[in-house]
N, C-alpha and C. Protein backbone atom coordinates (compact mmCIF):
# COMPACT_ATOMS: atom_id res chain seq x y z
N UNK A 1 -68.63 30.42 7.89
CA UNK A 1 -69.53 30.55 8.58
C UNK A 1 -69.72 30.32 9.65
N UNK A 2 -70.21 31.12 10.40
CA UNK A 2 -70.70 30.97 11.84
C UNK A 2 -71.87 30.69 12.68
N UNK A 3 -72.02 29.56 13.04
CA UNK A 3 -73.57 28.88 13.34
C UNK A 3 -73.42 28.11 15.00
N UNK A 4 -74.38 28.14 15.15
CA UNK A 4 -74.79 26.88 16.64
C UNK A 4 -74.46 25.96 15.94
N UNK A 5 -74.12 25.08 16.80
CA UNK A 5 -73.93 23.82 16.43
C UNK A 5 -75.14 22.71 16.97
N UNK A 6 -75.71 23.32 17.83
CA UNK A 6 -77.12 22.29 18.18
C UNK A 6 -78.20 22.87 17.46
N UNK A 7 -78.13 24.48 16.81
CA UNK A 7 -79.45 24.62 16.47
C UNK A 7 -79.13 24.72 14.66
N UNK A 8 -77.91 24.95 14.42
CA UNK A 8 -77.87 24.75 13.28
C UNK A 8 -78.08 25.99 12.54
N UNK A 9 -78.29 27.70 13.56
CA UNK A 9 -78.84 28.27 12.97
C UNK A 9 -77.52 29.32 13.15
N UNK A 10 -77.17 30.35 12.07
CA UNK A 10 -76.22 31.01 11.77
C UNK A 10 -76.16 32.65 12.83
N UNK A 11 -75.12 32.81 13.30
CA UNK A 11 -74.81 34.03 14.39
C UNK A 11 -74.89 35.17 13.45
N UNK A 12 -75.58 36.44 13.86
CA UNK A 12 -75.99 37.39 12.81
C UNK A 12 -75.49 38.64 13.43
N UNK A 13 -75.64 39.89 13.40
CA UNK A 13 -74.98 41.38 13.63
C UNK A 13 -73.70 40.94 14.70
N UNK A 14 -73.78 42.00 15.84
CA UNK A 14 -72.68 41.94 16.14
C UNK A 14 -71.95 40.72 16.66
N UNK A 15 -72.50 40.03 16.65
CA UNK A 15 -71.98 38.35 17.47
C UNK A 15 -70.76 38.03 15.77
N UNK A 16 -71.03 38.75 14.64
CA UNK A 16 -70.04 37.75 13.69
C UNK A 16 -68.80 38.17 13.76
N UNK A 17 -68.64 39.60 14.67
CA UNK A 17 -67.60 40.32 14.65
C UNK A 17 -67.14 39.43 15.98
N UNK A 18 -67.82 38.98 17.10
CA UNK A 18 -67.50 38.81 17.96
C UNK A 18 -66.47 37.44 17.78
N UNK A 19 -67.15 36.72 16.85
CA UNK A 19 -66.28 34.98 16.71
C UNK A 19 -65.61 35.36 15.50
N UNK A 20 -65.36 36.10 14.84
CA UNK A 20 -64.59 36.34 13.46
C UNK A 20 -63.04 36.63 14.39
N UNK A 21 -62.91 37.40 15.87
CA UNK A 21 -61.95 37.77 16.53
C UNK A 21 -61.12 36.41 17.06
N UNK A 22 -61.60 35.37 16.62
CA UNK A 22 -61.52 34.47 17.42
C UNK A 22 -60.18 33.71 16.76
N UNK A 23 -60.79 33.62 15.38
CA UNK A 23 -60.21 33.15 14.29
C UNK A 23 -60.11 31.71 14.00
N UNK A 24 -61.38 31.07 14.29
CA UNK A 24 -61.88 30.02 14.23
C UNK A 24 -63.17 29.79 13.23
N UNK A 25 -63.43 29.00 13.00
CA UNK A 25 -64.94 29.18 12.41
C UNK A 25 -65.71 27.77 12.34
N UNK A 26 -66.84 27.94 11.95
CA UNK A 26 -67.44 26.75 12.57
C UNK A 26 -68.54 27.06 13.57
N UNK A 27 -68.86 25.93 13.99
CA UNK A 27 -70.15 25.79 15.12
C UNK A 27 -69.10 26.03 16.47
N UNK A 28 -70.24 26.63 17.47
CA UNK A 28 -70.30 27.24 18.16
C UNK A 28 -71.40 26.82 19.70
N UNK A 29 -71.10 26.66 20.51
CA UNK A 29 -72.07 26.14 21.65
C UNK A 29 -71.40 26.65 23.46
N UNK A 30 -72.78 27.08 23.81
CA UNK A 30 -72.53 27.07 25.21
C UNK A 30 -72.23 25.72 26.16
N UNK A 31 -71.94 26.29 27.02
CA UNK A 31 -71.50 24.90 28.27
C UNK A 31 -72.90 23.36 28.41
N UNK A 32 -74.25 24.33 28.30
CA UNK A 32 -75.03 23.74 28.72
C UNK A 32 -75.69 22.79 27.22
N UNK A 33 -75.36 23.04 25.99
CA UNK A 33 -75.70 22.52 25.24
C UNK A 33 -74.70 21.93 24.60
N UNK A 34 -73.49 22.04 24.74
CA UNK A 34 -73.02 20.91 24.50
C UNK A 34 -72.94 19.56 25.73
N UNK A 35 -73.04 19.81 26.66
CA UNK A 35 -73.68 18.73 27.88
C UNK A 35 -75.20 18.00 27.16
N UNK A 36 -76.23 18.76 26.43
CA UNK A 36 -77.14 18.27 25.87
C UNK A 36 -76.80 17.06 25.21
N UNK A 37 -76.01 17.60 23.92
CA UNK A 37 -75.44 17.20 23.15
C UNK A 37 -74.22 15.76 23.16
N UNK A 38 -74.12 15.87 24.49
CA UNK A 38 -72.83 14.25 24.98
C UNK A 38 -71.46 14.92 24.83
N UNK A 39 -71.31 15.99 24.69
CA UNK A 39 -70.06 16.42 25.01
C UNK A 39 -69.44 16.50 26.65
N UNK A 40 -68.05 16.67 26.49
CA UNK A 40 -67.13 17.26 27.59
C UNK A 40 -66.46 18.32 27.65
N UNK A 41 -66.52 19.16 28.68
CA UNK A 41 -65.68 20.55 28.24
C UNK A 41 -64.34 19.99 29.04
N UNK A 42 -63.68 19.80 28.83
CA UNK A 42 -62.60 19.85 29.44
C UNK A 42 -62.10 20.57 30.77
N UNK A 43 -61.76 20.04 31.62
CA UNK A 43 -61.13 21.03 32.86
C UNK A 43 -60.46 21.81 32.48
N UNK A 44 -60.73 22.61 33.14
CA UNK A 44 -59.92 23.88 32.41
C UNK A 44 -60.02 25.09 31.39
N UNK A 45 -61.09 24.37 30.85
CA UNK A 45 -61.38 24.93 29.67
C UNK A 45 -61.91 26.26 29.52
N UNK A 46 -61.47 27.43 29.05
CA UNK A 46 -62.35 28.71 28.71
C UNK A 46 -62.69 28.69 27.88
N UNK A 47 -64.17 29.23 27.93
CA UNK A 47 -64.88 30.10 27.25
C UNK A 47 -64.34 30.55 25.79
N UNK A 48 -64.20 30.82 24.41
CA UNK A 48 -63.69 30.98 23.81
C UNK A 48 -64.38 32.57 23.11
N UNK A 49 -65.45 33.04 23.43
CA UNK A 49 -66.40 34.30 23.50
C UNK A 49 -67.29 34.12 24.10
N UNK A 50 -68.09 35.60 24.12
CA UNK A 50 -69.15 35.87 24.73
C UNK A 50 -70.09 36.63 24.08
N UNK A 51 -71.02 35.90 23.68
CA UNK A 51 -72.21 36.42 22.55
C UNK A 51 -73.18 37.23 23.43
N UNK A 52 -74.31 37.39 22.36
CA UNK A 52 -74.98 38.35 23.02
C UNK A 52 -76.03 38.41 22.41
N UNK A 53 -77.31 38.10 23.17
CA UNK A 53 -78.76 37.73 22.82
C UNK A 53 -79.72 38.77 22.95
N UNK A 54 -79.88 39.27 22.15
CA UNK A 54 -80.86 40.79 22.11
C UNK A 54 -81.74 40.21 22.75
N UNK A 55 -83.00 41.16 23.92
CA UNK A 55 -83.95 40.77 24.55
C UNK A 55 -84.47 42.58 24.44
N UNK A 56 -85.90 41.86 24.58
CA UNK A 56 -87.00 43.11 24.83
C UNK A 56 -87.42 43.40 26.53
N UNK A 57 -87.24 44.58 26.84
CA UNK A 57 -87.62 45.03 28.13
C UNK A 57 -89.50 45.67 27.52
N UNK A 58 -90.16 45.32 28.48
CA UNK A 58 -91.44 46.32 28.53
C UNK A 58 -90.86 47.09 29.87
N UNK A 59 -91.09 48.56 29.62
CA UNK A 59 -91.15 49.36 30.94
C UNK A 59 -92.12 50.01 30.89
N UNK A 60 -92.88 50.52 31.95
CA UNK A 60 -94.38 50.85 32.46
C UNK A 60 -93.92 52.49 32.53
N UNK A 61 -94.55 53.52 31.75
CA UNK A 61 -94.06 54.42 32.27
C UNK A 61 -95.28 55.55 33.25
N UNK A 62 -94.58 56.64 33.57
CA UNK A 62 -95.78 57.01 34.47
C UNK A 62 -97.01 57.42 34.11
N UNK A 63 -97.11 57.85 32.95
CA UNK A 63 -98.49 57.63 32.30
C UNK A 63 -99.14 56.73 31.85
N UNK A 64 -98.43 55.79 31.96
CA UNK A 64 -99.47 54.62 32.03
C UNK A 64 -99.22 53.81 30.65
N UNK A 65 -98.68 54.17 30.03
CA UNK A 65 -98.07 53.53 28.42
C UNK A 65 -97.01 53.09 28.89
N UNK A 66 -96.81 51.88 27.88
CA UNK A 66 -95.28 51.63 28.35
C UNK A 66 -94.73 51.12 27.23
N UNK A 67 -93.41 51.01 27.38
CA UNK A 67 -92.14 51.57 26.28
C UNK A 67 -90.99 50.42 26.52
N UNK A 68 -90.96 49.87 24.98
CA UNK A 68 -90.19 48.80 24.89
C UNK A 68 -88.76 49.36 24.77
N UNK A 69 -87.41 48.34 25.66
CA UNK A 69 -86.53 49.13 25.83
C UNK A 69 -85.49 47.45 24.89
N UNK A 70 -84.33 48.22 24.33
CA UNK A 70 -83.63 46.75 23.78
C UNK A 70 -82.63 46.38 25.25
N UNK A 71 -82.41 45.12 25.51
CA UNK A 71 -81.00 45.17 26.33
C UNK A 71 -80.45 44.13 25.80
N UNK A 72 -79.48 43.33 25.83
CA UNK A 72 -79.08 42.13 25.98
C UNK A 72 -78.43 41.09 27.03
N UNK A 73 -78.37 40.25 26.35
CA UNK A 73 -78.12 39.09 27.43
C UNK A 73 -76.62 38.54 26.92
N UNK A 74 -75.51 38.67 27.70
CA UNK A 74 -73.73 37.59 27.14
C UNK A 74 -74.13 35.89 28.04
N UNK A 75 -74.31 35.32 26.24
CA UNK A 75 -73.60 33.86 27.26
C UNK A 75 -71.70 33.29 26.64
N UNK A 76 -71.75 32.50 27.17
CA UNK A 76 -70.36 32.24 26.94
C UNK A 76 -70.50 31.10 25.96
N UNK A 77 -69.49 30.92 24.79
CA UNK A 77 -69.41 29.63 24.03
C UNK A 77 -68.06 29.41 24.42
N UNK A 78 -68.89 27.68 23.47
CA UNK A 78 -66.98 26.79 23.48
C UNK A 78 -67.22 26.95 21.66
N UNK A 79 -65.75 26.48 21.07
CA UNK A 79 -65.81 26.25 19.54
C UNK A 79 -65.92 24.95 20.18
N UNK A 80 -66.45 24.32 18.99
CA UNK A 80 -66.53 22.68 18.36
C UNK A 80 -64.84 21.62 18.99
N UNK A 81 -64.06 22.55 18.49
CA UNK A 81 -62.96 22.25 18.66
C UNK A 81 -62.48 21.81 19.88
N UNK A 82 -63.01 22.65 21.03
CA UNK A 82 -62.53 22.19 22.48
C UNK A 82 -63.05 21.55 22.88
N UNK A 83 -63.94 21.12 22.39
CA UNK A 83 -65.18 19.99 23.59
C UNK A 83 -64.51 18.38 22.96
N UNK A 84 -64.98 17.43 23.99
CA UNK A 84 -64.37 16.30 23.68
C UNK A 84 -65.92 15.39 23.75
N UNK A 85 -66.24 14.30 22.37
CA UNK A 85 -67.20 13.67 22.64
C UNK A 85 -67.02 12.18 23.63
N UNK A 86 -68.00 12.44 24.74
CA UNK A 86 -67.92 11.49 25.74
C UNK A 86 -67.84 9.83 25.59
N UNK A 87 -67.16 9.14 25.93
CA UNK A 87 -67.33 7.82 25.59
C UNK A 87 -67.61 6.80 26.64
N UNK A 88 -68.76 5.96 26.28
CA UNK A 88 -69.14 5.39 27.24
C UNK A 88 -69.16 4.02 27.24
């Protein structure tokens, strides 16, 4: 199962295929989420994949109506095995 380690929500759609290609299972998170949860990303560690978050864009048309277009924003994610817990 592929899920966001911080939110515990499973990934869906194309993101499952992207994460399957890594050969790793379990929790993934962004750099910012890792820092918020108290993990350290070792220097030189590369993100394992770029997932896509679908976003709606509302575009105004010339006739005054609006049109919804779907786009996506990519986020680099790290697998939980790449991270170290901070020791205080």
